[in-house]
Amino acid sequence: MDLLEREAVLQDLTGHLKVAVSGPGRLALVRGETGIGKTAVVHRLARLADPHVRVLSGACDPLATPRPLGPLMDLAPNLGAAARTALTGALAGTCRSDELFDCLLADLSSYPSLLVVEDVHWADEATMDLLRHLTRRLPSVPALVVVTYRDDEIGRTHDLTALLGTLAGYPWVHRHDLLPLSRRAVARLAAGHTVDAEQVYRVSAGNPFIVTSVLAAPTEPIPATVREAVAGRLAGLSASARRVVDVLAVLGRRVSLPLPAGILPAPEEALDEAVACGIVRTEGRTAEFRQELTRQAVLEAVPAAHRLRVHRQALALMRSGPVTADDLVPLADHAEGAEDTAAVLEYAPAAAAHAAASGAHREAAAQYARALRYADDLPAEQQTSLLEGHSQACLLSGRLDEGVTSRRTAVRLRRARGDRLGEGEGLRWLSCWLWPAGRTAEA
């Protein structure tokens, strides 16, 4: 399977390997968010390595108490006898750690090697010390050390942050960021699947794990793999951090920080914890989920009563201050979530009109549709206006059938009110849209 948009990183890594096995050695840091494909890249690098290069691979695990020197234990069977003996002694307490590290260096010096250590954000203290010791002395050994980690899960106080600070001054340390896939790459992966590629891109933000999960289960609103992955990451959060994540999920994909601050008491420390687990990120005075599907997975688990309460609190807070055009969509969202019919009919039509004036006809259609769900008790004239707005927005966003249906309903309402001029205007619009669509008899 092709690794889309990873060619440049693989080319850099294979170049590092070619240089390193001839000396001096190098360290490559491969970093990116959860599910971005770090493991796939290092596995491909291992397959691309020359046959004379020894491949050593170990990983850190997300254990409550990490295994001492866990990655070294993984790759021990491929080390020489002296290094294996030193490792056994270190674990038994009969060999000092510096003696073990020197044995590993001697082993790497004896054979051109690719040493991979995955997920060092979960590493124990001894593994961190090993990497410090090894990296400082890498120029003397014919080896490329590749270290992977989730940069969305390390904060200012994480042990790995301190290690990265130590490595910053070494010129033989190289950094490689894995970025989300582009729309084009997602469309290429989605080719041949019965899915809307743009929708897949929107909910995944180009995260390869989420993209492949959606493609593997296209009929599931939230694939089980995504739901379980999100639940697993949330399980380690404190109760206060989980409350922050739940509130943010209810508030939307991107949230102004003063809003959750008005709902939760002192959420700053809990928000920092949520950011450190990689579920959300902050930028300036906003917080957002990294992927919309992640937010939906969190929201699915929030009890309905809690969602209702948060929507009502958010609606009250936003209405208490000045309302700008940018506030109309979230106000309409919270009004519907709060089951406040009057507020929906206040903000959804205004949001629709603003979207239409901005050329965002798909968004306008969605807001008109929201208002129409609550419009049964409105006077016929107001219902007609909403139907005509919805029709126009649907037709301008390529949704002919929906647009025609709304316009026909509006025509019937105008006919019932005796508004012959308005009825004729509606029929004229119907004719204009039906004719180019090939529905000439109806036109």
Protein backbone atom coordinates (compact mmCIF):
# COMPACT_ATOMS: atom_id res chain seq x y z
CA MET A 1 0.00 0.00 0.00
CA ASP A 2 1.29 3.47 -0.88
CA LEU A 3 2.15 5.87 1.91
CA LEU A 4 0.64 9.01 0.50
CA GLU A 5 2.48 12.30 1.06
CA ARG A 6 5.27 10.59 3.03
CA GLU A 7 7.75 10.36 0.17
CA ALA A 8 9.81 13.36 1.28
CA VAL A 9 10.16 12.10 4.84
CA LEU A 10 11.12 8.62 3.66
CA GLN A 11 13.67 10.10 1.27
CA ASP A 12 15.20 12.10 4.11
CA LEU A 13 15.29 9.09 6.42
CA THR A 14 16.86 6.79 3.83
CA GLY A 15 19.44 9.51 3.22
CA HIS A 16 20.19 9.67 6.93
CA LEU A 17 20.54 5.89 7.04
CA LYS A 18 22.97 5.83 4.11
CA VAL A 19 25.17 8.45 5.76
CA ALA A 20 24.89 7.04 9.29
CA VAL A 21 25.89 3.44 8.53
CA SER A 22 29.10 4.76 7.00
CA GLY A 23 29.59 7.07 9.98
CA PRO A 24 29.07 9.35 11.72
CA GLY A 25 25.82 8.17 13.25
CA ARG A 26 22.63 10.21 13.36
CA LEU A 27 19.38 10.50 15.31
CA ALA A 28 16.07 11.20 13.54
CA LEU A 29 13.05 12.38 15.51
CA VAL A 30 9.79 11.48 13.74
CA ARG A 31 6.87 13.25 15.33
CA GLY A 32 3.19 13.86 14.78
CA GLU A 33 -0.26 13.53 16.28
CA THR A 34 -1.93 10.25 17.16
CA GLY A 35 -2.81 8.23 14.07
CA ILE A 36 -0.65 10.28 11.71
CA GLY A 37 1.30 7.21 10.50
CA LYS A 38 4.62 7.26 12.35
CA THR A 39 4.75 3.46 12.67
CA ALA A 40 3.94 3.00 8.99
CA VAL A 41 6.82 5.29 8.03
CA VAL A 42 9.44 3.55 10.19
CA HIS A 43 8.28 0.12 9.04
CA ARG A 44 8.64 1.22 5.43
CA LEU A 45 12.10 2.61 6.22
CA ALA A 46 13.11 -0.78 7.66
CA ARG A 47 11.99 -2.53 4.47
CA LEU A 48 13.94 -0.03 2.36
CA ALA A 49 17.17 -0.58 4.32
CA ASP A 50 20.03 -2.39 2.58
CA PRO A 51 20.29 -6.10 3.50
CA HIS A 52 23.64 -5.53 5.22
CA VAL A 53 22.02 -3.11 7.71
CA ARG A 54 20.86 -4.74 10.93
CA VAL A 55 17.37 -3.55 11.94
CA LEU A 56 16.70 -3.28 15.67
CA SER A 57 13.21 -2.26 16.76
CA GLY A 58 11.64 -1.66 20.15
CA ALA A 59 8.68 0.26 21.51
CA CYS A 60 7.41 1.88 24.68
CA ASP A 61 3.99 0.88 25.96
CA PRO A 62 1.20 2.95 27.61
CA LEU A 63 1.47 1.12 30.93
CA ALA A 64 0.59 2.58 34.32
CA THR A 65 4.13 1.59 35.34
CA PRO A 66 6.33 1.51 32.20
CA ARG A 67 8.65 -1.45 31.71
CA PRO A 68 12.21 -0.54 32.66
CA LEU A 69 14.15 -0.32 29.39
CA GLY A 70 11.15 -1.78 27.56
CA PRO A 71 12.38 -0.96 24.02
CA LEU A 72 15.78 -2.50 24.78
CA MET A 73 14.10 -5.69 25.99
CA ASP A 74 12.20 -5.87 22.66
CA LEU A 75 15.31 -5.74 20.55
CA ALA A 76 17.61 -7.74 22.88
CA PRO A 77 17.34 -11.00 20.86
CA ASN A 78 19.10 -9.26 17.96
CA LEU A 79 21.96 -7.88 20.08
CA GLY A 80 25.29 -9.50 20.77
CA ALA A 81 25.89 -11.72 23.79
CA ALA A 82 27.68 -9.02 25.81
CA ALA A 83 24.83 -6.52 25.43
CA ARG A 84 22.24 -9.17 26.31
CA THR A 85 24.17 -10.15 29.42
CA ALA A 86 24.52 -6.52 30.49
CA LEU A 87 20.77 -5.97 30.02
CA THR A 88 19.96 -9.01 32.16
CA GLY A 89 22.31 -7.72 34.83
CA ALA A 90 20.84 -4.21 34.73
CA LEU A 91 17.32 -5.55 35.21
CA ALA A 92 18.53 -7.76 38.08
CA GLY A 93 20.41 -4.88 39.69
CA THR A 94 23.86 -6.46 39.23
CA CYS A 95 24.99 -4.18 36.38
CA ARG A 96 25.11 -0.37 36.46
CA SER A 97 23.10 1.47 33.80
CA ASP A 98 26.18 3.22 32.40
CA GLU A 99 27.84 -0.17 31.89
CA LEU A 100 24.75 -1.37 29.99
CA PHE A 101 24.75 1.77 27.85
CA ASP A 102 28.41 1.31 27.00
CA CYS A 103 27.75 -2.31 26.02
CA LEU A 104 24.98 -1.17 23.69
CA LEU A 105 27.30 1.42 22.13
CA ALA A 106 29.95 -1.25 21.60
CA ASP A 107 27.36 -3.51 19.99
CA LEU A 108 26.20 -0.74 17.63
CA SER A 109 29.83 0.00 16.76
CA SER A 110 30.32 -3.57 15.55
CA TYR A 111 27.65 -3.60 12.85
CA PRO A 112 25.85 -1.01 10.64
CA SER A 113 22.44 -0.66 12.28
CA LEU A 114 19.05 0.98 12.13
CA LEU A 115 17.74 1.32 15.68
CA VAL A 116 14.05 2.26 16.00
CA VAL A 117 12.50 3.30 19.31
CA GLU A 118 8.77 3.96 18.99
CA ASP A 119 6.43 5.99 21.19
CA VAL A 120 9.01 7.49 23.53
CA HIS A 121 6.29 9.72 25.02
CA TRP A 122 5.53 6.56 27.06
CA ALA A 123 9.17 5.79 27.92
CA ASP A 124 10.41 5.07 31.43
CA GLU A 125 13.17 7.12 33.03
CA ALA A 126 15.86 4.54 32.24
CA THR A 127 14.98 4.60 28.52
CA MET A 128 15.18 8.40 28.55
CA ASP A 129 18.64 8.17 30.11
CA LEU A 130 19.68 5.59 27.51
CA LEU A 131 18.69 7.96 24.69
CA ARG A 132 20.62 10.82 26.32
CA HIS A 133 23.71 8.66 26.68
CA LEU A 134 23.44 7.17 23.21
CA THR A 135 22.70 10.37 21.31
CA ARG A 136 25.68 12.22 22.77
CA ARG A 137 27.98 9.49 21.46
CA LEU A 138 26.26 8.68 18.16
CA PRO A 139 28.90 10.25 15.89
CA SER A 140 31.25 7.43 16.87
CA VAL A 141 28.95 4.57 15.78
CA PRO A 142 27.63 3.45 12.34
CA ALA A 143 23.96 3.66 13.23
CA LEU A 144 20.82 5.64 12.56
CA VAL A 145 18.58 5.88 15.61
CA VAL A 146 14.95 6.73 14.76
CA VAL A 147 12.75 7.87 17.62
CA THR A 148 9.00 8.39 17.21
CA TYR A 149 6.67 10.26 19.53
CA ARG A 150 3.29 11.97 19.67
CA ASP A 151 3.95 15.67 19.82
CA ASP A 152 0.31 16.29 20.73
CA GLU A 153 0.71 14.46 24.04
CA ILE A 154 3.74 16.14 25.59
CA GLY A 155 3.38 19.32 27.60
CA ARG A 156 5.87 21.64 29.25
CA THR A 157 6.45 19.32 32.21
CA HIS A 158 6.66 16.01 30.32
CA ASP A 159 9.90 14.04 30.75
CA LEU A 160 10.30 13.88 26.97
CA THR A 161 10.24 17.69 26.77
CA ALA A 162 13.33 17.77 28.97
CA LEU A 163 15.03 15.13 26.80
CA LEU A 164 14.27 17.06 23.63
CA GLY A 165 15.81 20.12 25.21
CA THR A 166 19.00 18.14 25.82
CA LEU A 167 19.10 16.98 22.19
CA ALA A 168 18.49 20.43 20.75
CA GLY A 169 22.16 21.35 20.58
CA TYR A 170 23.39 18.27 18.70
CA PRO A 171 23.85 18.89 14.95
CA TRP A 172 23.49 15.18 14.17
CA VAL A 173 19.89 15.21 15.46
CA HIS A 174 17.29 15.76 12.72
CA ARG A 175 13.57 16.43 13.11
CA HIS A 176 10.79 15.28 10.81
CA ASP A 177 7.14 16.28 11.18
CA LEU A 178 4.37 14.11 9.75
CA LEU A 179 1.50 16.33 8.64
CA PRO A 180 -2.16 15.45 8.02
CA LEU A 181 -3.09 14.31 4.52
CA SER A 182 -4.30 16.86 2.00
CA ARG A 183 -7.74 16.85 0.40
CA ARG A 184 -6.20 15.33 -2.72
CA ALA A 185 -4.65 12.44 -0.79
CA VAL A 186 -7.91 11.75 1.07
CA ALA A 187 -9.80 11.79 -2.25
CA ARG A 188 -7.29 9.32 -3.67
CA LEU A 189 -7.78 6.97 -0.71
CA ALA A 190 -11.55 7.34 -0.97
CA ALA A 191 -11.65 6.51 -4.67
CA GLY A 192 -13.77 3.42 -5.23
CA HIS A 193 -15.55 3.75 -1.88
CA THR A 194 -19.18 4.82 -1.54
CA VAL A 195 -18.32 7.89 0.54
CA ASP A 196 -18.14 11.64 0.03
CA ALA A 197 -14.39 12.33 -0.02
CA GLU A 198 -14.86 15.95 1.07
CA GLN A 199 -16.95 14.83 4.05
CA VAL A 200 -14.28 12.27 4.98
CA TYR A 201 -11.66 15.01 4.85
CA ARG A 202 -13.81 17.37 6.92
CA VAL A 203 -14.43 14.94 9.79
CA SER A 204 -10.89 13.50 9.78
CA ALA A 205 -8.87 16.67 9.18
CA GLY A 206 -6.62 14.43 7.09
CA ASN A 207 -5.64 12.09 9.94
CA PRO A 208 -4.74 8.77 8.21
CA PHE A 209 -6.03 6.57 11.05
CA ILE A 210 -9.44 8.24 11.00
CA VAL A 211 -9.56 8.28 7.19
CA THR A 212 -8.89 4.55 6.93
CA SER A 213 -11.33 3.83 9.79
CA VAL A 214 -14.12 5.70 7.99
CA LEU A 215 -13.36 3.98 4.69
CA ALA A 216 -13.37 0.57 6.39
CA ALA A 217 -16.81 1.22 7.93
CA PRO A 218 -18.53 3.74 5.63
CA THR A 219 -22.03 3.05 6.98
CA GLU A 220 -21.12 3.76 10.61
CA PRO A 221 -21.50 7.40 11.74
CA ILE A 222 -18.57 6.85 14.10
CA PRO A 223 -16.42 3.77 13.33
CA ALA A 224 -15.89 1.48 16.31
CA THR A 225 -12.10 1.84 15.99
CA VAL A 226 -12.34 5.62 16.37
CA ARG A 227 -14.82 5.38 19.25
CA GLU A 228 -12.59 2.93 21.11
CA ALA A 229 -9.42 4.92 20.46
CA VAL A 230 -11.02 8.09 21.81
CA ALA A 231 -12.45 6.28 24.83
CA GLY A 232 -9.03 4.85 25.59
CA ARG A 233 -7.40 8.27 25.56
CA LEU A 234 -10.12 9.77 27.75
CA ALA A 235 -9.87 6.95 30.29
CA GLY A 236 -6.63 8.33 31.70
CA LEU A 237 -7.98 11.84 32.34
CA SER A 238 -8.94 13.18 35.74
CA ALA A 239 -12.62 13.86 36.40
CA SER A 240 -12.13 17.62 35.98
CA ALA A 241 -10.30 17.23 32.66
CA ARG A 242 -13.00 14.88 31.39
CA ARG A 243 -15.64 17.47 32.30
CA VAL A 244 -13.74 20.07 30.28
CA VAL A 245 -13.55 17.75 27.27
CA ASP A 246 -17.26 16.93 27.53
CA VAL A 247 -18.22 20.61 27.71
CA LEU A 248 -15.99 21.48 24.75
CA ALA A 249 -17.58 18.65 22.73
CA VAL A 250 -21.04 20.09 23.39
CA LEU A 251 -19.92 23.64 22.59
CA GLY A 252 -18.54 22.73 19.15
CA ARG A 253 -15.39 22.01 17.16
CA ARG A 254 -13.80 25.41 17.88
CA VAL A 255 -14.67 27.29 21.06
CA SER A 256 -13.75 30.68 22.49
CA LEU A 257 -12.15 30.00 25.89
CA PRO A 258 -14.24 32.54 27.85
CA LEU A 259 -17.31 30.39 27.08
CA PRO A 260 -16.23 27.20 28.95
CA ALA A 261 -14.76 29.46 31.63
CA GLY A 262 -18.27 30.79 32.23
CA ILE A 263 -19.67 27.27 32.54
CA LEU A 264 -16.97 25.47 34.56
CA PRO A 265 -15.16 26.73 37.67
CA ALA A 266 -11.45 27.41 36.96
CA PRO A 267 -11.05 25.09 33.94
CA GLU A 268 -7.50 26.20 33.03
CA GLU A 269 -5.53 23.39 34.75
CA ALA A 270 -7.99 20.73 33.59
CA LEU A 271 -7.79 22.11 30.04
CA ASP A 272 -3.99 21.80 30.14
CA GLU A 273 -4.42 18.12 31.01
CA ALA A 274 -6.86 17.62 28.15
CA VAL A 275 -4.42 19.27 25.75
CA ALA A 276 -1.60 17.04 27.02
CA CYS A 277 -3.59 13.90 26.14
CA GLY A 278 -3.90 15.12 22.54
CA ILE A 279 -7.70 15.28 22.31
CA VAL A 280 -7.87 19.06 22.01
CA ARG A 281 -5.46 21.89 21.34
CA THR A 282 -5.45 25.58 22.15
CA GLU A 283 -4.47 28.51 20.00
CA GLY A 284 -4.66 31.99 21.44
CA ARG A 285 -8.02 32.31 23.17
CA THR A 286 -9.66 29.35 21.46
CA ALA A 287 -9.74 25.60 22.02
CA GLU A 288 -10.58 23.04 19.36
CA PHE A 289 -10.76 19.32 18.76
CA ARG A 290 -8.13 18.10 16.35
CA GLN A 291 -10.71 16.20 14.32
CA GLU A 292 -14.47 16.63 14.09
CA LEU A 293 -15.02 12.85 14.29
CA THR A 294 -13.12 12.81 17.59
CA ARG A 295 -15.48 15.48 18.92
CA GLN A 296 -18.48 13.47 17.76
CA ALA A 297 -17.15 10.37 19.52
CA VAL A 298 -16.80 12.34 22.77
CA LEU A 299 -20.21 13.96 22.34
CA GLU A 300 -21.88 10.59 21.80
CA ALA A 301 -20.88 9.57 25.32
CA VAL A 302 -22.11 12.77 27.03
CA PRO A 303 -25.47 12.15 28.76
CA ALA A 304 -28.42 13.93 27.14
CA ALA A 305 -29.28 15.85 30.31
CA HIS A 306 -25.74 17.18 30.54
CA ARG A 307 -25.78 18.25 26.88
CA LEU A 308 -29.06 20.09 27.43
CA ARG A 309 -27.70 21.90 30.48
CA VAL A 310 -24.49 22.98 28.73
CA HIS A 311 -26.39 24.26 25.69
CA ARG A 312 -28.69 26.31 27.92
CA GLN A 313 -25.76 27.76 29.85
CA ALA A 314 -23.91 28.61 26.64
CA LEU A 315 -27.00 30.23 25.11
CA ALA A 316 -27.56 32.38 28.18
CA LEU A 317 -23.91 33.44 28.33
CA MET A 318 -23.71 34.36 24.64
CA ARG A 319 -26.97 36.32 24.73
CA SER A 320 -25.84 38.29 27.77
CA GLY A 321 -23.30 40.26 25.73
CA PRO A 322 -23.11 41.89 22.30
CA VAL A 323 -24.03 39.51 19.47
CA THR A 324 -21.96 39.72 16.28
CA ALA A 325 -22.53 38.09 12.91
CA ASP A 326 -19.94 35.44 13.80
CA ASP A 327 -22.02 34.51 16.85
CA LEU A 328 -25.17 33.69 14.89
CA VAL A 329 -24.29 30.09 13.94
CA PRO A 330 -23.18 28.99 17.44
CA LEU A 331 -26.20 30.77 18.93
CA ALA A 332 -28.48 28.83 16.57
CA ASP A 333 -26.65 25.59 17.49
CA HIS A 334 -27.03 26.20 21.21
CA ALA A 335 -30.65 27.33 20.81
CA GLU A 336 -31.54 24.03 19.16
CA GLY A 337 -29.52 22.05 21.69
CA ALA A 338 -31.27 23.94 24.47
CA GLU A 339 -34.66 23.11 22.93
CA ASP A 340 -35.49 26.83 22.89
CA THR A 341 -37.86 27.27 19.94
CA ALA A 342 -38.03 31.05 20.19
CA ALA A 343 -34.23 31.35 20.18
CA VAL A 344 -33.93 28.99 17.20
CA LEU A 345 -36.36 31.14 15.22
CA GLU A 346 -34.44 34.25 16.27
CA TYR A 347 -30.94 33.13 15.33
CA ALA A 348 -31.23 30.41 12.65
CA PRO A 349 -32.88 32.65 9.99
CA ALA A 350 -30.38 35.42 10.78
CA ALA A 351 -27.49 32.95 10.46
CA ALA A 352 -28.96 31.70 7.17
CA ALA A 353 -29.30 35.21 5.73
CA HIS A 354 -25.74 36.09 6.75
CA ALA A 355 -24.39 32.88 5.18
CA ALA A 356 -26.34 33.50 1.95
CA ALA A 357 -25.01 37.05 1.74
CA SER A 358 -21.49 35.64 2.14
CA GLY A 359 -22.00 33.08 -0.64
CA ALA A 360 -22.03 30.14 1.81
CA HIS A 361 -25.19 28.64 0.35
CA ARG A 362 -24.77 25.14 1.83
CA GLU A 363 -24.55 26.65 5.32
CA ALA A 364 -27.51 28.91 4.54
CA ALA A 365 -29.59 25.90 3.51
CA ALA A 366 -28.71 24.09 6.74
CA GLN A 367 -29.74 27.07 8.88
CA TYR A 368 -33.02 27.56 6.99
CA ALA A 369 -33.73 23.84 7.43
CA ARG A 370 -33.08 24.20 11.16
CA ALA A 371 -35.54 27.08 11.41
CA LEU A 372 -38.16 25.16 9.43
CA ARG A 373 -38.04 22.30 11.94
CA TYR A 374 -39.44 24.74 14.53
CA ALA A 375 -41.72 26.78 12.26
CA ASP A 376 -45.03 24.91 12.51
CA ASP A 377 -46.63 27.55 14.73
CA LEU A 378 -45.35 30.55 12.78
CA PRO A 379 -47.75 32.64 10.67
CA ALA A 380 -47.99 31.38 7.09
CA GLU A 381 -46.17 34.45 5.78
CA GLN A 382 -43.09 33.74 7.90
CA GLN A 383 -43.14 30.03 7.00
CA THR A 384 -43.29 31.00 3.33
CA SER A 385 -40.29 33.31 3.71
CA LEU A 386 -38.24 30.53 5.33
CA LEU A 387 -39.25 28.03 2.66
CA GLU A 388 -38.26 30.39 -0.15
CA GLY A 389 -34.93 31.15 1.51
CA HIS A 390 -34.28 27.44 1.96
CA SER A 391 -35.23 26.75 -1.67
CA GLN A 392 -32.89 29.40 -3.03
CA ALA A 393 -29.99 28.25 -0.85
CA CYS A 394 -30.53 24.59 -1.83
CA LEU A 395 -30.68 25.39 -5.52
CA LEU A 396 -27.50 27.49 -5.33
CA SER A 397 -25.69 24.66 -3.54
CA GLY A 398 -26.69 21.99 -6.07
CA ARG A 399 -29.50 20.36 -4.07
CA LEU A 400 -32.22 20.61 -6.72
CA ASP A 401 -34.77 18.17 -5.26
CA GLU A 402 -34.76 19.80 -1.81
CA GLY A 403 -34.96 23.26 -3.34
CA VAL A 404 -37.87 22.34 -5.60
CA THR A 405 -39.76 20.71 -2.71
CA SER A 406 -39.45 23.81 -0.52
CA ARG A 407 -40.43 26.16 -3.35
CA ARG A 408 -43.53 24.08 -4.17
CA THR A 409 -44.60 24.18 -0.54
CA ALA A 410 -44.13 27.95 -0.55
CA VAL A 411 -46.22 28.23 -3.73
CA ARG A 412 -49.06 26.30 -2.07
CA LEU A 413 -48.95 28.59 0.96
CA ARG A 414 -49.08 31.70 -1.24
CA ARG A 415 -51.99 30.22 -3.23
CA ALA A 416 -53.87 29.47 0.00
CA ARG A 417 -53.41 33.08 1.12
CA GLY A 418 -54.65 34.41 -2.22
CA ASP A 419 -51.23 35.92 -3.02
CA ARG A 420 -51.43 35.41 -6.80
CA LEU A 421 -48.43 37.61 -7.58
CA GLY A 422 -46.24 35.73 -5.06
CA GLU A 423 -47.54 32.41 -6.39
CA GLY A 424 -46.58 33.39 -9.91
CA GLU A 425 -43.11 34.48 -8.77
CA GLY A 426 -42.64 31.07 -7.13
CA LEU A 427 -43.77 29.25 -10.27
CA ARG A 428 -41.37 31.33 -12.34
CA TRP A 429 -38.48 30.28 -10.09
CA LEU A 430 -39.52 26.64 -10.35
CA SER A 431 -39.56 26.87 -14.13
CA CYS A 432 -36.11 28.50 -14.19
CA TRP A 433 -34.58 25.65 -12.16
CA LEU A 434 -36.45 22.69 -13.66
CA TRP A 435 -35.78 23.51 -17.33
CA PRO A 436 -31.94 23.29 -17.32
CA ALA A 437 -32.21 20.14 -15.19
CA GLY A 438 -34.02 18.45 -18.10
CA ARG A 439 -37.40 18.31 -16.34
CA THR A 440 -39.04 20.17 -19.19
CA ALA A 441 -42.61 18.90 -18.75
CA GLU A 442 -42.65 20.14 -15.15
CA ALA A 443 -41.02 23.41 -16.19
